[in-house]
Amino acid sequence: MLHRVIPILPAPPALPACGAEPHLSGRPDQLTRLLAGLERLAGASFGSAQPRGAWLRGLDLANGEAVLSLAPALHRPGFAQAAFELLKRELSDTDIYVTA
């Protein structure tokens, strides 16, 4: 009698669920525009079902600086680079920092 073997493959790591809303500070019009772009990037990278709090910890815009804080467990350097490029395009003459 032959036995059928079903391979068990590891699931890709999921983003940790986080119930807290990210910290946002800056001009509301800028924040709205930047968050829309970041959410499009996140949807393409993680799937549209991920809540904002799963990948974003904060976005602070003040005094010619933008600080984007990503979730510490985020292991996708391509996303961090794409987010940096988005901020660089949208915020000319601004120092941009991306942290995890």
PDB file of N, CA and C in Angstrom:
ATOM      1  N   MET A   1       0.846  -1.175   0.000  1.00  0.00           N
ATOM      2  CA  MET A   1       0.000   0.000   0.000  1.00  0.00           C
ATOM      3  C   MET A   1       0.899   1.249   0.000  1.00  0.00           C
ATOM      4  N   LEU A   2       0.632   2.161  -0.893  1.00  0.00           N
ATOM      5  CA  LEU A   2       1.396   3.391  -0.990  1.00  0.00           C
ATOM      6  C   LEU A   2       0.809   4.448  -0.069  1.00  0.00           C
ATOM      7  N   HIS A   3       1.704   5.213   0.546  1.00  0.00           N
ATOM      8  CA  HIS A   3       1.260   6.309   1.402  1.00  0.00           C
ATOM      9  C   HIS A   3       1.585   7.620   0.707  1.00  0.00           C
ATOM     10  N   ARG A   4       0.644   8.487   0.705  1.00  0.00           N
ATOM     11  CA  ARG A   4       0.844   9.793   0.092  1.00  0.00           C
ATOM     12  C   ARG A   4       1.531  10.712   1.096  1.00  0.00           C
ATOM     13  N   VAL A   5       2.571  11.398   0.664  1.00  0.00           N
ATOM     14  CA  VAL A   5       3.321  12.306   1.531  1.00  0.00           C
ATOM     15  C   VAL A   5       2.935  13.739   1.183  1.00  0.00           C
ATOM     16  N   ILE A   6       2.503  14.454   2.176  1.00  0.00           N
ATOM     17  CA  ILE A   6       2.159  15.858   1.982  1.00  0.00           C
ATOM     18  C   ILE A   6       3.227  16.680   2.679  1.00  0.00           C
ATOM     19  N   PRO A   7       4.005  17.439   1.901  1.00  0.00           N
ATOM     20  CA  PRO A   7       5.076  18.224   2.537  1.00  0.00           C
ATOM     21  C   PRO A   7       4.500  19.366   3.378  1.00  0.00           C
ATOM     22  N   ILE A   8       5.151  19.637   4.470  1.00  0.00           N
ATOM     23  CA  ILE A   8       4.768  20.749   5.336  1.00  0.00           C
ATOM     24  C   ILE A   8       5.784  21.857   5.126  1.00  0.00           C
ATOM     25  N   LEU A   9       5.294  23.010   4.689  1.00  0.00           N
ATOM     26  CA  LEU A   9       6.158  24.151   4.419  1.00  0.00           C
ATOM     27  C   LEU A   9       5.916  25.229   5.457  1.00  0.00           C
ATOM     28  N   PRO A  10       6.968  25.929   5.866  1.00  0.00           N
ATOM     29  CA  PRO A  10       6.762  27.004   6.846  1.00  0.00           C
ATOM     30  C   PRO A  10       5.980  28.157   6.216  1.00  0.00           C
ATOM     31  N   ALA A  11       5.119  28.740   7.012  1.00  0.00           N
ATOM     32  CA  ALA A  11       4.351  29.902   6.559  1.00  0.00           C
ATOM     33  C   ALA A  11       5.243  31.128   6.592  1.00  0.00           C
ATOM     34  N   PRO A  12       5.019  32.080   5.674  1.00  0.00           N
ATOM     35  CA  PRO A  12       5.808  33.307   5.736  1.00  0.00           C
ATOM     36  C   PRO A  12       5.498  34.052   7.030  1.00  0.00           C
ATOM     37  N   PRO A  13       6.472  34.748   7.590  1.00  0.00           N
ATOM     38  CA  PRO A  13       6.209  35.447   8.848  1.00  0.00           C
ATOM     39  C   PRO A  13       5.160  36.540   8.657  1.00  0.00           C
ATOM     40  N   ALA A  14       4.248  36.590   9.572  1.00  0.00           N
ATOM     41  CA  ALA A  14       3.197  37.610   9.526  1.00  0.00           C
ATOM     42  C   ALA A  14       3.644  38.820  10.328  1.00  0.00           C
ATOM     43  N   LEU A  15       3.094  39.951   9.993  1.00  0.00           N
ATOM     44  CA  LEU A  15       3.369  41.143  10.782  1.00  0.00           C
ATOM     45  C   LEU A  15       2.668  41.015  12.120  1.00  0.00           C
ATOM     46  N   PRO A  16       3.281  41.466  13.199  1.00  0.00           N
ATOM     47  CA  PRO A  16       2.619  41.375  14.492  1.00  0.00           C
ATOM     48  C   PRO A  16       1.409  42.302  14.538  1.00  0.00           C
ATOM     49  N   ALA A  17       0.379  41.828  15.148  1.00  0.00           N
ATOM     50  CA  ALA A  17      -0.799  42.673  15.305  1.00  0.00           C
ATOM     51  C   ALA A  17      -0.522  43.720  16.370  1.00  0.00           C
ATOM     52  N   CYS A  18      -0.954  44.893  16.106  1.00  0.00           N
ATOM     53  CA  CYS A  18      -0.741  45.981  17.060  1.00  0.00           C
ATOM     54  C   CYS A  18      -2.010  46.806  17.098  1.00  0.00           C
ATOM     55  N   GLY A  19      -2.586  46.959  18.250  1.00  0.00           N
ATOM     56  CA  GLY A  19      -3.832  47.687  18.357  1.00  0.00           C
ATOM     57  C   GLY A  19      -3.649  49.188  18.455  1.00  0.00           C
ATOM     58  N   ALA A  20      -2.454  49.632  18.781  1.00  0.00           N
ATOM     59  CA  ALA A  20      -2.236  51.056  19.002  1.00  0.00           C
ATOM     60  C   ALA A  20      -2.130  51.805  17.680  1.00  0.00           C
ATOM     61  N   GLU A  21      -2.746  52.953  17.639  1.00  0.00           N
ATOM     62  CA  GLU A  21      -2.609  53.821  16.475  1.00  0.00           C
ATOM     63  C   GLU A  21      -1.233  54.470  16.518  1.00  0.00           C
ATOM     64  N   PRO A  22      -0.626  54.666  15.360  1.00  0.00           N
ATOM     65  CA  PRO A  22       0.692  55.300  15.330  1.00  0.00           C
ATOM     66  C   PRO A  22       0.638  56.754  15.783  1.00  0.00           C
ATOM     67  N   HIS A  23       1.777  57.238  16.280  1.00  0.00           N
ATOM     68  CA  HIS A  23       1.911  58.637  16.683  1.00  0.00           C
ATOM     69  C   HIS A  23       2.120  59.475  15.417  1.00  0.00           C
ATOM     70  N   LEU A  24       1.296  60.483  15.213  1.00  0.00           N
ATOM     71  CA  LEU A  24       1.398  61.355  14.052  1.00  0.00           C
ATOM     72  C   LEU A  24       1.491  62.796  14.508  1.00  0.00           C
ATOM     73  N   SER A  25       2.447  63.539  13.943  1.00  0.00           N
ATOM     74  CA  SER A  25       2.504  64.969  14.242  1.00  0.00           C
ATOM     75  C   SER A  25       3.003  65.707  13.006  1.00  0.00           C
ATOM     76  N   GLY A  26       2.452  66.884  12.800  1.00  0.00           N
ATOM     77  CA  GLY A  26       2.797  67.690  11.640  1.00  0.00           C
ATOM     78  C   GLY A  26       1.536  68.297  11.046  1.00  0.00           C
ATOM     79  N   ARG A  27       1.709  68.953   9.903  1.00  0.00           N
ATOM     80  CA  ARG A  27       0.559  69.566   9.234  1.00  0.00           C
ATOM     81  C   ARG A  27      -0.391  68.477   8.736  1.00  0.00           C
ATOM     82  N   PRO A  28      -1.674  68.600   9.051  1.00  0.00           N
ATOM     83  CA  PRO A  28      -2.631  67.558   8.657  1.00  0.00           C
ATOM     84  C   PRO A  28      -2.661  67.276   7.155  1.00  0.00           C
ATOM     85  N   ASP A  29      -2.538  68.305   6.314  1.00  0.00           N
ATOM     86  CA  ASP A  29      -2.584  68.074   4.870  1.00  0.00           C
ATOM     87  C   ASP A  29      -1.379  67.247   4.409  1.00  0.00           C
ATOM     88  N   GLN A  30      -0.202  67.526   4.956  1.00  0.00           N
ATOM     89  CA  GLN A  30       0.988  66.737   4.619  1.00  0.00           C
ATOM     90  C   GLN A  30       0.861  65.305   5.123  1.00  0.00           C
ATOM     91  N   LEU A  31       0.410  65.156   6.356  1.00  0.00           N
ATOM     92  CA  LEU A  31       0.260  63.821   6.931  1.00  0.00           C
ATOM     93  C   LEU A  31      -0.708  62.978   6.107  1.00  0.00           C
ATOM     94  N   THR A  32      -1.820  63.556   5.720  1.00  0.00           N
ATOM     95  CA  THR A  32      -2.828  62.825   4.946  1.00  0.00           C
ATOM     96  C   THR A  32      -2.234  62.345   3.629  1.00  0.00           C
ATOM     97  N   ARG A  33      -1.523  63.222   2.941  1.00  0.00           N
ATOM     98  CA  ARG A  33      -0.927  62.879   1.646  1.00  0.00           C
ATOM     99  C   ARG A  33       0.143  61.785   1.807  1.00  0.00           C
ATOM    100  N   LEU A  34       1.011  61.943   2.801  1.00  0.00           N
ATOM    101  CA  LEU A  34       2.080  60.974   3.005  1.00  0.00           C
ATOM    102  C   LEU A  34       1.543  59.616   3.471  1.00  0.00           C
ATOM    103  N   LEU A  35       0.576  59.635   4.369  1.00  0.00           N
ATOM    104  CA  LEU A  35       0.002  58.377   4.845  1.00  0.00           C
ATOM    105  C   LEU A  35      -0.688  57.608   3.731  1.00  0.00           C
ATOM    106  N   ALA A  36      -1.340  58.326   2.818  1.00  0.00           N
ATOM    107  CA  ALA A  36      -1.986  57.655   1.688  1.00  0.00           C
ATOM    108  C   ALA A  36      -0.938  56.930   0.844  1.00  0.00           C
ATOM    109  N   GLY A  37       0.177  57.590   0.576  1.00  0.00           N
ATOM    110  CA  GLY A  37       1.243  56.954  -0.190  1.00  0.00           C
ATOM    111  C   GLY A  37       1.869  55.786   0.546  1.00  0.00           C
ATOM    112  N   LEU A  38       2.115  55.960   1.846  1.00  0.00           N
ATOM    113  CA  LEU A  38       2.699  54.876   2.641  1.00  0.00           C
ATOM    114  C   LEU A  38       1.760  53.682   2.726  1.00  0.00           C
ATOM    115  N   GLU A  39       0.467  53.940   2.820  1.00  0.00           N
ATOM    116  CA  GLU A  39      -0.498  52.837   2.888  1.00  0.00           C
ATOM    117  C   GLU A  39      -0.551  52.074   1.562  1.00  0.00           C
ATOM    118  N   ARG A  40      -0.395  52.781   0.442  1.00  0.00           N
ATOM    119  CA  ARG A  40      -0.326  52.085  -0.847  1.00  0.00           C
ATOM    120  C   ARG A  40       0.906  51.167  -0.886  1.00  0.00           C
ATOM    121  N   LEU A  41       2.041  51.688  -0.431  1.00  0.00           N
ATOM    122  CA  LEU A  41       3.257  50.862  -0.373  1.00  0.00           C
ATOM    123  C   LEU A  41       3.070  49.653   0.542  1.00  0.00           C
ATOM    124  N   ALA A  42       2.494  49.886   1.713  1.00  0.00           N
ATOM    125  CA  ALA A  42       2.282  48.797   2.677  1.00  0.00           C
ATOM    126  C   ALA A  42       1.324  47.757   2.108  1.00  0.00           C
ATOM    127  N   GLY A  43       0.286  48.209   1.425  1.00  0.00           N
ATOM    128  CA  GLY A  43      -0.657  47.272   0.817  1.00  0.00           C
ATOM    129  C   GLY A  43       0.020  46.378  -0.202  1.00  0.00           C
ATOM    130  N   ALA A  44       0.924  46.957  -0.988  1.00  0.00           N
ATOM    131  CA  ALA A  44       1.651  46.169  -1.987  1.00  0.00           C
ATOM    132  C   ALA A  44       2.654  45.216  -1.332  1.00  0.00           C
ATOM    133  N   SER A  45       3.233  45.628  -0.203  1.00  0.00           N
ATOM    134  CA  SER A  45       4.248  44.800   0.462  1.00  0.00           C
ATOM    135  C   SER A  45       3.670  43.755   1.406  1.00  0.00           C
ATOM    136  N   PHE A  46       2.625  44.116   2.151  1.00  0.00           N
ATOM    137  CA  PHE A  46       2.121  43.246   3.216  1.00  0.00           C
ATOM    138  C   PHE A  46       0.705  42.748   2.990  1.00  0.00           C
ATOM    139  N   GLY A  47       0.026  43.285   2.017  1.00  0.00           N
ATOM    140  CA  GLY A  47      -1.377  42.954   1.802  1.00  0.00           C
ATOM    141  C   GLY A  47      -2.257  44.026   2.421  1.00  0.00           C
ATOM    142  N   SER A  48      -3.353  44.284   1.785  1.00  0.00           N
ATOM    143  CA  SER A  48      -4.211  45.389   2.222  1.00  0.00           C
ATOM    144  C   SER A  48      -4.929  45.120   3.544  1.00  0.00           C
ATOM    145  N   ALA A  49      -4.892  43.879   4.030  1.00  0.00           N
ATOM    146  CA  ALA A  49      -5.593  43.548   5.275  1.00  0.00           C
ATOM    147  C   ALA A  49      -4.829  43.979   6.521  1.00  0.00           C
ATOM    148  N   GLN A  50      -3.566  44.383   6.371  1.00  0.00           N
ATOM    149  CA  GLN A  50      -2.770  44.768   7.538  1.00  0.00           C
ATOM    150  C   GLN A  50      -3.170  46.156   8.026  1.00  0.00           C
ATOM    151  N   PRO A  51      -3.485  46.296   9.308  1.00  0.00           N
ATOM    152  CA  PRO A  51      -3.797  47.630   9.838  1.00  0.00           C
ATOM    153  C   PRO A  51      -2.545  48.500   9.888  1.00  0.00           C
ATOM    154  N   ARG A  52      -2.736  49.779   9.862  1.00  0.00           N
ATOM    155  CA  ARG A  52      -1.623  50.735   9.882  1.00  0.00           C
ATOM    156  C   ARG A  52      -0.706  50.507  11.081  1.00  0.00           C
ATOM    157  N   GLY A  53      -1.271  50.204  12.232  1.00  0.00           N
ATOM    158  CA  GLY A  53      -0.478  50.011  13.443  1.00  0.00           C
ATOM    159  C   GLY A  53       0.428  48.791  13.398  1.00  0.00           C
ATOM    160  N   ALA A  54       0.221  47.879  12.443  1.00  0.00           N
ATOM    161  CA  ALA A  54       1.073  46.688  12.341  1.00  0.00           C
ATOM    162  C   ALA A  54       2.425  47.007  11.724  1.00  0.00           C
ATOM    163  N   TRP A  55       2.505  48.052  10.928  1.00  0.00           N
ATOM    164  CA  TRP A  55       3.777  48.378  10.263  1.00  0.00           C
ATOM    165  C   TRP A  55       4.292  49.778  10.574  1.00  0.00           C
ATOM    166  N   LEU A  56       3.449  50.650  11.123  1.00  0.00           N
ATOM    167  CA  LEU A  56       3.838  52.037  11.377  1.00  0.00           C
ATOM    168  C   LEU A  56       3.738  52.355  12.860  1.00  0.00           C
ATOM    169  N   ARG A  57       4.812  52.909  13.415  1.00  0.00           N
ATOM    170  CA  ARG A  57       4.798  53.356  14.810  1.00  0.00           C
ATOM    171  C   ARG A  57       4.615  54.866  14.915  1.00  0.00           C
ATOM    172  N   GLY A  58       5.119  55.615  13.918  1.00  0.00           N
ATOM    173  CA  GLY A  58       4.954  57.055  13.995  1.00  0.00           C
ATOM    174  C   GLY A  58       5.474  57.768  12.766  1.00  0.00           C
ATOM    175  N   LEU A  59       4.941  58.965  12.549  1.00  0.00           N
ATOM    176  CA  LEU A  59       5.415  59.863  11.503  1.00  0.00           C
ATOM    177  C   LEU A  59       5.380  61.269  12.082  1.00  0.00           C
ATOM    178  N   ASP A  60       6.549  61.871  12.194  1.00  0.00           N
ATOM    179  CA  ASP A  60       6.674  63.211  12.768  1.00  0.00           C
ATOM    180  C   ASP A  60       7.283  64.143  11.727  1.00  0.00           C
ATOM    181  N   LEU A  61       6.583  65.244  11.466  1.00  0.00           N
ATOM    182  CA  LEU A  61       7.040  66.250  10.519  1.00  0.00           C
ATOM    183  C   LEU A  61       7.182  67.571  11.254  1.00  0.00           C
ATOM    184  N   ALA A  62       8.404  68.072  11.379  1.00  0.00           N
ATOM    185  CA  ALA A  62       8.621  69.344  12.079  1.00  0.00           C
ATOM    186  C   ALA A  62      10.008  69.880  11.773  1.00  0.00           C
ATOM    187  N   ASN A  63      10.110  71.194  11.698  1.00  0.00           N
ATOM    188  CA  ASN A  63      11.403  71.887  11.587  1.00  0.00           C
ATOM    189  C   ASN A  63      12.302  71.347  10.482  1.00  0.00           C
ATOM    190  N   GLY A  64      11.743  71.101   9.303  1.00  0.00           N
ATOM    191  CA  GLY A  64      12.547  70.633   8.188  1.00  0.00           C
ATOM    192  C   GLY A  64      13.020  69.201   8.311  1.00  0.00           C
ATOM    193  N   GLU A  65      12.389  68.412   9.190  1.00  0.00           N
ATOM    194  CA  GLU A  65      12.737  67.012   9.382  1.00  0.00           C
ATOM    195  C   GLU A  65      11.491  66.138   9.302  1.00  0.00           C
ATOM    196  N   ALA A  66      11.677  64.947   8.784  1.00  0.00           N
ATOM    197  CA  ALA A  66      10.624  63.938   8.773  1.00  0.00           C
ATOM    198  C   ALA A  66      11.204  62.674   9.393  1.00  0.00           C
ATOM    199  N   VAL A  67      10.535  62.152  10.426  1.00  0.00           N
ATOM    200  CA  VAL A  67      10.977  60.926  11.085  1.00  0.00           C
ATOM    201  C   VAL A  67       9.872  59.891  10.932  1.00  0.00           C
ATOM    202  N   LEU A  68      10.186  58.835  10.200  1.00  0.00           N
ATOM    203  CA  LEU A  68       9.258  57.735   9.976  1.00  0.00           C
ATOM    204  C   LEU A  68       9.722  56.565  10.836  1.00  0.00           C
ATOM    205  N   SER A  69       8.882  56.124  11.774  1.00  0.00           N
ATOM    206  CA  SER A  69       9.212  55.007  12.666  1.00  0.00           C
ATOM    207  C   SER A  69       8.391  53.795  12.248  1.00  0.00           C
ATOM    208  N   LEU A  70       9.086  52.754  11.824  1.00  0.00           N
ATOM    209  CA  LEU A  70       8.429  51.518  11.400  1.00  0.00           C
ATOM    210  C   LEU A  70       8.416  50.519  12.542  1.00  0.00           C
ATOM    211  N   ALA A  71       7.557  49.527  12.431  1.00  0.00           N
ATOM    212  CA  ALA A  71       7.455  48.487  13.456  1.00  0.00           C
ATOM    213  C   ALA A  71       8.793  47.776  13.610  1.00  0.00           C
ATOM    214  N   PRO A  72       9.227  47.506  14.849  1.00  0.00           N
ATOM    215  CA  PRO A  72      10.525  46.864  15.065  1.00  0.00           C
ATOM    216  C   PRO A  72      10.638  45.490  14.424  1.00  0.00           C
ATOM    217  N   ALA A  73       9.553  44.753  14.313  1.00  0.00           N
ATOM    218  CA  ALA A  73       9.601  43.401  13.763  1.00  0.00           C
ATOM    219  C   ALA A  73       9.499  43.388  12.239  1.00  0.00           C
ATOM    220  N   LEU A  74       9.518  44.553  11.630  1.00  0.00           N
ATOM    221  CA  LEU A  74       9.376  44.654  10.179  1.00  0.00           C
ATOM    222  C   LEU A  74      10.687  44.240   9.511  1.00  0.00           C
ATOM    223  N   HIS A  75      10.697  43.078   8.873  1.00  0.00           N
ATOM    224  CA  HIS A  75      11.923  42.560   8.258  1.00  0.00           C
ATOM    225  C   HIS A  75      11.841  42.674   6.743  1.00  0.00           C
ATOM    226  N   ARG A  76      11.540  43.849   6.264  1.00  0.00           N
ATOM    227  CA  ARG A  76      11.461  44.052   4.825  1.00  0.00           C
ATOM    228  C   ARG A  76      12.200  45.328   4.465  1.00  0.00           C
ATOM    229  N   PRO A  77      13.518  45.237   4.268  1.00  0.00           N
ATOM    230  CA  PRO A  77      14.304  46.432   3.956  1.00  0.00           C
ATOM    231  C   PRO A  77      13.834  47.116   2.685  1.00  0.00           C
ATOM    232  N   GLY A  78      13.265  46.368   1.753  1.00  0.00           N
ATOM    233  CA  GLY A  78      12.738  46.972   0.528  1.00  0.00           C
ATOM    234  C   GLY A  78      11.624  47.951   0.825  1.00  0.00           C
ATOM    235  N   PHE A  79      10.800  47.647   1.828  1.00  0.00           N
ATOM    236  CA  PHE A  79       9.719  48.558   2.201  1.00  0.00           C
ATOM    237  C   PHE A  79      10.278  49.836   2.813  1.00  0.00           C
ATOM    238  N   ALA A  80      11.258  49.700   3.686  1.00  0.00           N
ATOM    239  CA  ALA A  80      11.867  50.875   4.310  1.00  0.00           C
ATOM    240  C   ALA A  80      12.497  51.779   3.248  1.00  0.00           C
ATOM    241  N   GLN A  81      13.166  51.183   2.276  1.00  0.00           N
ATOM    242  CA  GLN A  81      13.786  51.969   1.205  1.00  0.00           C
ATOM    243  C   GLN A  81      12.726  52.649   0.343  1.00  0.00           C
ATOM    244  N   ALA A  82      11.659  51.940   0.012  1.00  0.00           N
ATOM    245  CA  ALA A  82      10.581  52.521  -0.786  1.00  0.00           C
ATOM    246  C   ALA A  82       9.894  53.659  -0.028  1.00  0.00           C
ATOM    247  N   ALA A  83       9.718  53.495   1.279  1.00  0.00           N
ATOM    248  CA  ALA A  83       9.113  54.553   2.098  1.00  0.00           C
ATOM    249  C   ALA A  83      10.021  55.783   2.124  1.00  0.00           C
ATOM    250  N   PHE A  84      11.325  55.557   2.252  1.00  0.00           N
ATOM    251  CA  PHE A  84      12.277  56.666   2.218  1.00  0.00           C
ATOM    252  C   PHE A  84      12.191  57.406   0.882  1.00  0.00           C
ATOM    253  N   GLU A  85      12.152  56.671  -0.212  1.00  0.00           N
ATOM    254  CA  GLU A  85      12.062  57.289  -1.539  1.00  0.00           C
ATOM    255  C   GLU A  85      10.771  58.090  -1.699  1.00  0.00           C
ATOM    256  N   LEU A  86       9.676  57.571  -1.168  1.00  0.00           N
ATOM    257  CA  LEU A  86       8.400  58.297  -1.228  1.00  0.00           C
ATOM    258  C   LEU A  86       8.495  59.615  -0.472  1.00  0.00           C
ATOM    259  N   LEU A  87       9.042  59.568   0.744  1.00  0.00           N
ATOM    260  CA  LEU A  87       9.183  60.796   1.533  1.00  0.00           C
ATOM    261  C   LEU A  87      10.117  61.784   0.846  1.00  0.00           C
ATOM    262  N   LYS A  88      11.171  61.277   0.239  1.00  0.00           N
ATOM    263  CA  LYS A  88      12.136  62.139  -0.455  1.00  0.00           C
ATOM    264  C   LYS A  88      11.479  62.857  -1.639  1.00  0.00           C
ATOM    265  N   ARG A  89      10.618  62.141  -2.373  1.00  0.00           N
ATOM    266  CA  ARG A  89       9.897  62.756  -3.501  1.00  0.00           C
ATOM    267  C   ARG A  89       8.900  63.805  -3.028  1.00  0.00           C
ATOM    268  N   GLU A  90       8.195  63.503  -1.961  1.00  0.00           N
ATOM    269  CA  GLU A  90       7.111  64.367  -1.493  1.00  0.00           C
ATOM    270  C   GLU A  90       7.582  65.550  -0.657  1.00  0.00           C
ATOM    271  N   LEU A  91       8.713  65.420   0.014  1.00  0.00           N
ATOM    272  CA  LEU A  91       9.172  66.461   0.933  1.00  0.00           C
ATOM    273  C   LEU A  91      10.539  66.990   0.496  1.00  0.00           C
ATOM    274  N   SER A  92      10.507  67.916  -0.424  1.00  0.00           N
ATOM    275  CA  SER A  92      11.793  68.486  -0.848  1.00  0.00           C
ATOM    276  C   SER A  92      12.340  69.371   0.269  1.00  0.00           C
ATOM    277  N   ASP A  93      13.641  69.500   0.315  1.00  0.00           N
ATOM    278  CA  ASP A  93      14.318  70.312   1.328  1.00  0.00           C
ATOM    279  C   ASP A  93      14.013  69.868   2.755  1.00  0.00           C
ATOM    280  N   THR A  94      13.922  68.563   2.957  1.00  0.00           N
ATOM    281  CA  THR A  94      13.603  68.009   4.280  1.00  0.00           C
ATOM    282  C   THR A  94      14.607  66.901   4.591  1.00  0.00           C
ATOM    283  N   ASP A  95      15.113  66.890   5.810  1.00  0.00           N
ATOM    284  CA  ASP A  95      15.953  65.782   6.281  1.00  0.00           C
ATOM    285  C   ASP A  95      15.031  64.637   6.648  1.00  0.00           C
ATOM    286  N   ILE A  96      15.319  63.458   6.137  1.00  0.00           N
ATOM    287  CA  ILE A  96      14.422  62.312   6.315  1.00  0.00           C
ATOM    288  C   ILE A  96      15.156  61.209   7.076  1.00  0.00           C
ATOM    289  N   TYR A  97      14.494  60.700   8.110  1.00  0.00           N
ATOM    290  CA  TYR A  97      15.031  59.605   8.932  1.00  0.00           C
ATOM    291  C   TYR A  97      14.001  58.487   8.968  1.00  0.00           C
ATOM    292  N   VAL A  98      14.449  57.273   8.711  1.00  0.00           N
ATOM    293  CA  VAL A  98      13.575  56.103   8.806  1.00  0.00           C
ATOM    294  C   VAL A  98      14.169  55.202   9.876  1.00  0.00           C
ATOM    295  N   THR A  99      13.392  54.897  10.894  1.00  0.00           N
ATOM    296  CA  THR A  99      13.863  54.074  12.005  1.00  0.00           C
ATOM    297  C   THR A  99      12.943  52.865  12.192  1.00  0.00           C
ATOM    298  N   ALA A 100      13.453  51.879  12.888  1.00  0.00           N
ATOM    299  CA  ALA A 100      12.639  50.702  13.231  1.00  0.00           C
ATOM    300  C   ALA A 100      12.812  50.411  14.704  1.00  0.00           C
TER     301      ALA A 100
END
